Amino acid sequence: MKAKTLIIISAIVIALVLIKIFFLSPKPAKAAGPQAGKGPVVTIKAVVVKTGNVENKLVLSGTVLANEEAILKPEVSGKIISMQIKEGGEVERGQLLVKINDADLQAQLAKQLSLQKINEEKERDLKALLAVKGVSQEEYDLALSTVQQTKADIDLTQAQIAKTEIRAPFNGVIGLKNVSEGNNVSPADIIASVQQLNPIKIDFSVPEKYTAVVHLNDTVLITIQGTGRKYIGKVFAIDPKIDASTRSLKIRAICENSKREIFPGSYAQVTLILKSDKSVIMPTMAVIPDLHGQKTFVVHNGKAVSVLIETGVRNDTSVEVLKGLNPGDTVATEGIMSLKPNVQVKIQGKIKQ
């Protein structure tokens, strides 16, 4: 009886185990999310880039310079016997401004001219005699050499006389004079200065990063503190090197000053208008700093592709792309912080630039 009971109990246990295995065990749950073999999909916003121009304004500090400036100093020492300087007045190129006493040189020149006349007459006579064998070649050559030497002496004296004169080097305006007629002066003394005030020059510097986007004939707006007015100028010269101490590039602009409202030495606020050439334009927000420079993400075949780019002129909304992109490329503008190279992307509303 006991053996029969044990068999029955064992059969019941086995039956319960089988029921547990085949009917009560939980079924494996189906995997949620994307299908096997595919990574996560990132939703982004994007824009199709195209060609265009970017304009930006760079505000800088500048200094006004005369178009031409010369400091008038005598080349020789002596007494001023004539001074034709009207302070603040206009002068013309070549106009005699200051004359230093040259009486001794004038006397020496007169003597040399008289001697030259005698020597030339002697040379002509000997030349005629030489033609009929009346004198030797050596005698004529000596007379000709004397004429040439006297002429050289005259040229030297005339050059010395020219040094006693100070003439206007160009059309301009005379500044305030520092000496008066009758003063003895030397080459160390400054008589006055001459300034050419129309047009006027403005010197300013731009940071090194803008060197590639500054060009000749770029427009500048110039505000002078004294007048409060704005003047329009043009970039006409760019220094060929970067200043190593300031890491900046020196630029010179030129501006009309026919009314003489702008004075050399004035402080000028310069607004440099930077314009890109016709090139690829993309939103500024799509530019990502990178260890190798700058990059952006381009959508290609449904995946994000990291592309290194070289940028030019930029403003608050747009940036010029010099290298790395082509017109028609689709560039990610929002959600870019979640992007990695080759990740699957879904574009939510492509925006036309």
Protein backbone atom coordinates (compact mmCIF):
# COMPACT_ATOMS: atom_id res chain seq x y z
CA MET A 1 0.00 0.00 0.00
CA LYS A 2 2.78 2.34 0.84
CA ALA A 3 4.59 1.63 -2.43
CA LYS A 4 1.42 2.32 -4.40
CA THR A 5 0.95 5.67 -2.62
CA LEU A 6 4.58 6.70 -3.35
CA ILE A 7 4.15 5.96 -7.03
CA ILE A 8 1.01 8.09 -7.21
CA ILE A 9 2.72 11.05 -5.49
CA SER A 10 5.71 10.85 -7.84
CA ALA A 11 3.44 10.84 -10.89
CA ILE A 12 1.62 13.95 -9.62
CA VAL A 13 4.93 15.82 -9.07
CA ILE A 14 6.18 14.94 -12.56
CA ALA A 15 2.88 16.12 -14.07
CA LEU A 16 3.09 19.43 -12.22
CA VAL A 17 6.68 19.97 -13.41
CA LEU A 18 5.68 19.34 -17.03
CA ILE A 19 2.75 21.75 -16.73
CA LYS A 20 5.11 24.38 -15.31
CA ILE A 21 7.60 23.97 -18.16
CA PHE A 22 5.23 23.91 -21.10
CA PHE A 23 2.33 26.09 -20.03
CA LEU A 24 3.35 28.47 -17.22
CA SER A 25 6.86 29.64 -18.27
CA PRO A 26 6.84 33.34 -19.58
CA LYS A 27 7.36 33.82 -23.31
CA PRO A 28 10.42 35.89 -24.36
CA ALA A 29 9.53 39.56 -24.94
CA LYS A 30 9.97 41.03 -28.41
CA ALA A 31 12.82 43.54 -28.67
CA ALA A 32 11.62 47.13 -28.79
CA GLY A 33 13.07 49.88 -30.89
CA PRO A 34 14.74 49.66 -34.29
CA GLN A 35 15.19 46.43 -36.14
CA ALA A 36 18.25 44.30 -35.58
CA GLY A 37 21.28 45.51 -37.50
CA LYS A 38 20.25 49.26 -37.50
CA GLY A 39 21.55 52.00 -35.16
CA PRO A 40 19.53 54.81 -33.55
CA VAL A 41 17.92 57.46 -35.80
CA VAL A 42 18.55 61.14 -34.89
CA THR A 43 15.97 63.73 -35.89
CA ILE A 44 17.48 66.99 -37.15
CA LYS A 45 16.68 70.11 -39.09
CA ALA A 46 18.72 70.93 -42.18
CA VAL A 47 19.21 73.49 -44.92
CA VAL A 48 20.26 73.22 -48.56
CA VAL A 49 23.20 75.60 -49.12
CA LYS A 50 23.59 77.78 -52.19
CA THR A 51 25.92 80.44 -53.57
CA GLY A 52 25.64 84.08 -52.58
CA ASN A 53 27.41 86.93 -50.81
CA VAL A 54 27.92 87.77 -47.16
CA GLU A 55 28.39 91.32 -45.85
CA ASN A 56 29.78 92.15 -42.44
CA LYS A 57 30.82 95.37 -40.72
CA LEU A 58 33.98 95.59 -38.63
CA VAL A 59 34.37 98.66 -36.38
CA LEU A 60 38.00 99.69 -35.77
CA SER A 61 40.08 102.61 -34.51
CA GLY A 62 42.15 104.63 -36.96
CA THR A 63 44.38 107.68 -37.32
CA VAL A 64 44.13 110.38 -39.99
CA LEU A 65 47.24 111.19 -42.03
CA ALA A 66 47.96 113.81 -44.67
CA ASN A 67 48.11 112.44 -48.19
CA GLU A 68 51.63 113.90 -48.43
CA GLU A 69 53.70 115.57 -45.71
CA ALA A 70 57.14 117.15 -45.78
CA ILE A 71 59.24 118.81 -43.09
CA LEU A 72 61.09 121.81 -44.50
CA LYS A 73 64.74 121.96 -43.39
CA PRO A 74 67.70 123.81 -44.94
CA GLU A 75 70.44 121.73 -46.55
CA VAL A 76 73.13 124.29 -45.68
CA SER A 77 73.79 126.70 -42.85
CA GLY A 78 73.35 130.42 -43.40
CA LYS A 79 71.23 133.50 -42.96
CA ILE A 80 67.67 133.60 -44.30
CA ILE A 81 67.44 136.57 -46.67
CA SER A 82 63.96 135.84 -48.01
CA MET A 83 60.96 133.90 -46.71
CA GLN A 84 57.81 133.58 -48.82
CA ILE A 85 55.73 131.63 -46.31
CA LYS A 86 52.16 132.49 -45.43
CA GLU A 87 51.19 130.35 -42.48
CA GLY A 88 48.16 128.21 -43.35
CA GLY A 89 48.38 129.32 -46.98
CA GLU A 90 48.48 127.21 -50.09
CA VAL A 91 51.66 126.59 -52.05
CA GLU A 92 52.34 125.05 -55.44
CA ARG A 93 54.96 122.47 -56.33
CA GLY A 94 58.32 124.15 -57.05
CA GLN A 95 57.36 127.48 -55.43
CA LEU A 96 60.32 129.20 -53.71
CA LEU A 97 59.62 129.42 -49.98
CA VAL A 98 62.95 130.21 -48.30
CA LYS A 99 66.21 131.70 -49.62
CA ILE A 100 69.49 131.50 -47.69
CA ASN A 101 72.32 133.97 -48.35
CA ASP A 102 74.42 132.74 -51.32
CA ALA A 103 76.35 135.89 -52.26
CA ASP A 104 79.72 134.08 -52.18
CA LEU A 105 78.43 131.28 -54.39
CA GLN A 106 76.91 133.75 -56.86
CA ALA A 107 80.27 135.55 -57.14
CA GLN A 108 82.05 132.26 -57.66
CA LEU A 109 79.54 131.29 -60.36
CA ALA A 110 79.99 134.60 -62.18
CA LYS A 111 83.76 134.08 -62.23
CA GLN A 112 83.40 130.56 -63.54
CA LEU A 113 80.98 131.63 -66.28
CA SER A 114 83.40 134.33 -67.44
CA LEU A 115 86.27 131.86 -67.47
CA GLN A 116 84.12 129.36 -69.34
CA LYS A 117 83.47 131.90 -72.09
CA ILE A 118 87.21 132.52 -72.57
CA ASN A 119 88.01 128.81 -72.57
CA GLU A 120 85.30 128.04 -75.13
CA GLU A 121 86.61 130.76 -77.50
CA LYS A 122 90.15 129.34 -77.20
CA GLU A 123 88.86 125.83 -77.89
CA ARG A 124 87.05 126.97 -81.04
CA ASP A 125 90.17 128.73 -82.36
CA LEU A 126 92.37 125.67 -81.75
CA LYS A 127 89.81 123.43 -83.40
CA ALA A 128 89.99 125.56 -86.55
CA LEU A 129 93.82 125.46 -86.51
CA LEU A 130 93.79 121.71 -85.97
CA ALA A 131 91.78 121.30 -89.15
CA VAL A 132 94.67 122.89 -91.15
CA LYS A 133 97.41 121.23 -89.08
CA GLY A 134 98.22 124.57 -87.38
CA VAL A 135 98.36 122.96 -83.86
CA SER A 136 98.95 119.53 -82.52
CA GLN A 137 96.22 117.21 -81.33
CA GLU A 138 97.61 117.39 -77.80
CA GLU A 139 97.20 121.18 -77.66
CA TYR A 140 93.58 120.95 -78.78
CA ASP A 141 92.78 118.11 -76.34
CA LEU A 142 94.17 120.19 -73.47
CA ALA A 143 91.95 123.15 -74.41
CA LEU A 144 88.88 120.88 -74.69
CA SER A 145 89.63 119.33 -71.29
CA THR A 146 89.85 122.81 -69.74
CA VAL A 147 86.40 123.68 -71.12
CA GLN A 148 84.90 120.50 -69.73
CA GLN A 149 86.50 121.02 -66.31
CA THR A 150 85.20 124.58 -66.10
CA LYS A 151 81.71 123.35 -67.01
CA ALA A 152 81.88 120.76 -64.20
CA ASP A 153 82.89 123.52 -61.75
CA ILE A 154 79.86 125.57 -62.87
CA ASP A 155 77.53 122.61 -62.36
CA LEU A 156 78.91 122.10 -58.84
CA THR A 157 78.44 125.74 -57.92
CA GLN A 158 74.88 125.76 -59.28
CA ALA A 159 74.11 122.65 -57.20
CA GLN A 160 75.43 124.42 -54.10
CA ILE A 161 73.28 127.46 -54.89
CA ALA A 162 70.22 125.19 -55.23
CA LYS A 163 70.83 123.97 -51.68
CA THR A 164 70.34 127.53 -50.43
CA GLU A 165 66.75 127.43 -51.69
CA ILE A 166 63.79 125.63 -50.11
CA ARG A 167 60.96 124.98 -52.57
CA ALA A 168 57.53 123.39 -52.13
CA PRO A 169 57.83 119.65 -52.89
CA PHE A 170 54.14 119.38 -53.89
CA ASN A 171 50.87 121.30 -53.88
CA GLY A 172 49.71 121.69 -50.30
CA VAL A 173 49.20 123.87 -47.26
CA ILE A 174 52.01 125.44 -45.22
CA GLY A 175 51.92 124.92 -41.48
CA LEU A 176 53.15 127.29 -38.78
CA LYS A 177 56.71 128.57 -39.29
CA ASN A 178 59.36 128.19 -36.58
CA VAL A 179 61.87 130.82 -37.74
CA SER A 180 61.71 134.27 -39.29
CA GLU A 181 63.57 136.09 -42.03
CA GLY A 182 67.01 137.20 -40.85
CA ASN A 183 67.59 134.14 -38.64
CA ASN A 184 70.70 132.04 -39.05
CA VAL A 185 69.71 128.42 -39.59
CA SER A 186 71.40 125.03 -39.91
CA PRO A 187 70.28 121.67 -41.32
CA ALA A 188 69.02 120.73 -37.84
CA ASP A 189 66.42 123.53 -37.81
CA ILE A 190 62.81 122.94 -38.88
CA ILE A 191 61.47 125.85 -40.89
CA ALA A 192 57.86 124.64 -41.28
CA SER A 193 55.88 121.73 -42.71
CA VAL A 194 53.82 121.23 -45.85
CA GLN A 195 50.69 119.05 -45.82
CA GLN A 196 48.58 117.85 -48.71
CA LEU A 197 45.05 117.63 -47.31
CA ASN A 198 43.00 116.41 -50.25
CA PRO A 199 42.66 113.49 -50.39
CA ILE A 200 43.32 112.32 -46.83
CA LYS A 201 44.66 108.96 -45.58
CA ILE A 202 43.42 106.85 -42.67
CA ASP A 203 45.58 104.13 -41.10
CA PHE A 204 43.98 101.29 -39.11
CA SER A 205 44.64 97.64 -38.27
CA VAL A 206 42.51 94.50 -38.49
CA PRO A 207 43.00 91.28 -36.47
CA GLU A 208 44.99 88.54 -38.16
CA LYS A 209 41.92 86.33 -38.71
CA TYR A 210 40.45 88.88 -41.15
CA THR A 211 43.51 89.10 -43.42
CA ALA A 212 42.04 86.75 -46.04
CA VAL A 213 38.83 88.75 -46.44
CA VAL A 214 40.20 92.30 -46.73
CA HIS A 215 40.74 93.48 -50.30
CA LEU A 216 41.80 96.58 -52.16
CA ASN A 217 38.91 98.97 -52.91
CA ASP A 218 36.82 97.64 -49.99
CA THR A 219 34.50 100.40 -48.75
CA VAL A 220 35.11 102.04 -45.36
CA LEU A 221 32.89 104.43 -43.43
CA ILE A 222 34.89 107.01 -41.50
CA THR A 223 33.52 108.92 -38.51
CA ILE A 224 35.63 111.83 -37.27
CA GLN A 225 35.19 112.78 -33.65
CA GLY A 226 35.53 116.51 -34.34
CA THR A 227 32.77 116.71 -36.96
CA GLY A 228 30.51 113.76 -36.11
CA ARG A 229 29.97 113.29 -39.84
CA LYS A 230 30.53 110.09 -41.78
CA TYR A 231 32.74 109.99 -44.85
CA ILE A 232 33.13 107.23 -47.43
CA GLY A 233 36.60 105.96 -48.31
CA LYS A 234 38.31 103.06 -50.04
CA VAL A 235 41.07 100.66 -49.03
CA PHE A 236 44.00 101.48 -51.32
CA ALA A 237 47.01 99.86 -49.60
CA ILE A 238 47.54 96.75 -47.45
CA ASP A 239 50.77 96.07 -45.57
CA PRO A 240 52.40 92.88 -46.91
CA LYS A 241 53.16 91.51 -43.44
CA ILE A 242 51.48 90.87 -40.08
CA ASP A 243 52.70 92.89 -37.11
CA ALA A 244 54.23 90.19 -34.87
CA SER A 245 53.69 92.20 -31.67
CA THR A 246 49.95 92.84 -32.17
CA ARG A 247 49.07 90.01 -34.58
CA SER A 248 47.26 92.50 -36.76
CA LEU A 249 47.45 93.73 -40.35
CA LYS A 250 47.95 97.42 -41.08
CA ILE A 251 45.65 98.89 -43.72
CA ARG A 252 45.49 102.34 -45.30
CA ALA A 253 42.34 103.90 -46.74
CA ILE A 254 41.93 107.10 -48.72
CA CYS A 255 39.07 109.58 -48.50
CA GLU A 256 38.12 112.82 -50.25
CA ASN A 257 38.63 115.95 -48.15
CA SER A 258 37.87 118.80 -50.55
CA LYS A 259 36.22 120.85 -47.77
CA ARG A 260 39.21 120.28 -45.45
CA GLU A 261 37.00 119.14 -42.61
CA ILE A 262 39.35 116.29 -41.70
CA PHE A 263 42.69 117.18 -40.10
CA PRO A 264 45.79 114.96 -39.94
CA GLY A 265 46.31 113.43 -36.51
CA SER A 266 42.57 113.14 -35.79
CA TYR A 267 41.06 110.00 -34.28
CA ALA A 268 38.84 108.18 -36.74
CA GLN A 269 36.30 105.41 -36.14
CA VAL A 270 36.56 103.17 -39.17
CA THR A 271 33.76 100.83 -40.19
CA LEU A 272 35.18 98.33 -42.66
CA ILE A 273 32.55 96.69 -44.83
CA LEU A 274 33.68 93.15 -45.62
CA LYS A 275 32.07 91.51 -48.64
CA SER A 276 32.56 87.94 -49.76
CA ASP A 277 32.97 86.88 -53.35
CA LYS A 278 30.24 84.79 -54.95
CA SER A 279 30.65 81.57 -52.96
CA VAL A 280 28.82 78.94 -50.89
CA ILE A 281 26.85 80.43 -48.01
CA MET A 282 25.66 78.46 -44.95
CA PRO A 283 24.01 79.38 -41.61
CA THR A 284 26.46 80.43 -38.91
CA MET A 285 24.79 78.04 -36.42
CA ALA A 286 25.90 75.05 -38.52
CA VAL A 287 29.61 75.73 -37.94
CA ILE A 288 31.18 73.45 -35.30
CA PRO A 289 34.60 74.17 -33.72
CA ASP A 290 37.05 71.32 -34.24
CA LEU A 291 40.60 70.46 -33.23
CA HIS A 292 41.64 70.78 -36.86
CA GLY A 293 39.72 74.02 -37.46
CA GLN A 294 35.98 74.07 -38.21
CA LYS A 295 33.54 71.45 -39.45
CA THR A 296 29.88 70.84 -40.22
CA PHE A 297 27.61 67.81 -40.80
CA VAL A 298 26.36 67.10 -44.31
CA VAL A 299 23.48 64.67 -44.86
CA HIS A 300 24.38 62.06 -47.50
CA ASN A 301 22.27 58.96 -48.24
CA GLY A 302 20.39 59.38 -44.96
CA LYS A 303 23.56 59.55 -42.86
CA ALA A 304 25.47 62.40 -41.21
CA VAL A 305 28.92 62.96 -42.70
CA SER A 306 31.46 65.18 -40.88
CA VAL A 307 33.14 67.66 -43.27
CA LEU A 308 36.04 70.02 -42.49
CA ILE A 309 35.40 73.51 -43.86
CA GLU A 310 37.31 76.77 -44.31
CA THR A 311 35.26 79.91 -43.66
CA GLY A 312 35.59 83.52 -44.77
CA VAL A 313 33.36 86.54 -44.14
CA ARG A 314 30.63 85.98 -41.57
CA ASN A 315 27.88 87.87 -39.79
CA ASP A 316 25.26 86.94 -37.20
CA THR A 317 23.29 84.67 -39.52
CA SER A 318 25.46 83.56 -42.44
CA VAL A 319 29.04 82.56 -43.16
CA GLU A 320 31.03 82.23 -46.39
CA VAL A 321 32.48 78.75 -46.97
CA LEU A 322 35.73 78.86 -48.94
CA LYS A 323 36.42 75.10 -48.93
CA GLY A 324 34.53 71.93 -48.00
CA LEU A 325 30.99 72.46 -49.36
CA ASN A 326 29.30 72.58 -52.76
CA PRO A 327 26.05 74.28 -53.76
CA GLY A 328 23.12 71.92 -53.11
CA ASP A 329 24.68 70.15 -50.11
CA THR A 330 22.28 69.52 -47.21
CA VAL A 331 23.75 70.81 -43.95
CA ALA A 332 22.42 70.04 -40.46
CA THR A 333 21.38 73.16 -38.53
CA GLU A 334 19.57 71.83 -35.42
CA GLY A 335 20.26 68.69 -33.43
CA ILE A 336 23.89 68.74 -34.49
CA MET A 337 25.15 68.14 -30.93
CA SER A 338 23.62 64.66 -31.08
CA LEU A 339 25.27 63.79 -34.38
CA LYS A 340 28.22 61.50 -34.93
CA PRO A 341 29.81 60.45 -38.21
CA ASN A 342 27.69 57.92 -40.19
CA VAL A 343 24.74 58.04 -37.78
CA GLN A 344 21.26 57.59 -39.35
CA VAL A 345 19.34 60.89 -39.53
CA LYS A 346 15.77 61.92 -40.18
CA ILE A 347 15.28 65.45 -41.50
CA GLN A 348 12.39 67.30 -39.91
CA GLY A 349 11.52 70.08 -42.34
CA LYS A 350 14.32 70.96 -44.76
CA ILE A 351 14.72 74.73 -44.93
CA LYS A 352 15.69 76.65 -48.02
CA GLN A 353 18.37 79.23 -47.30
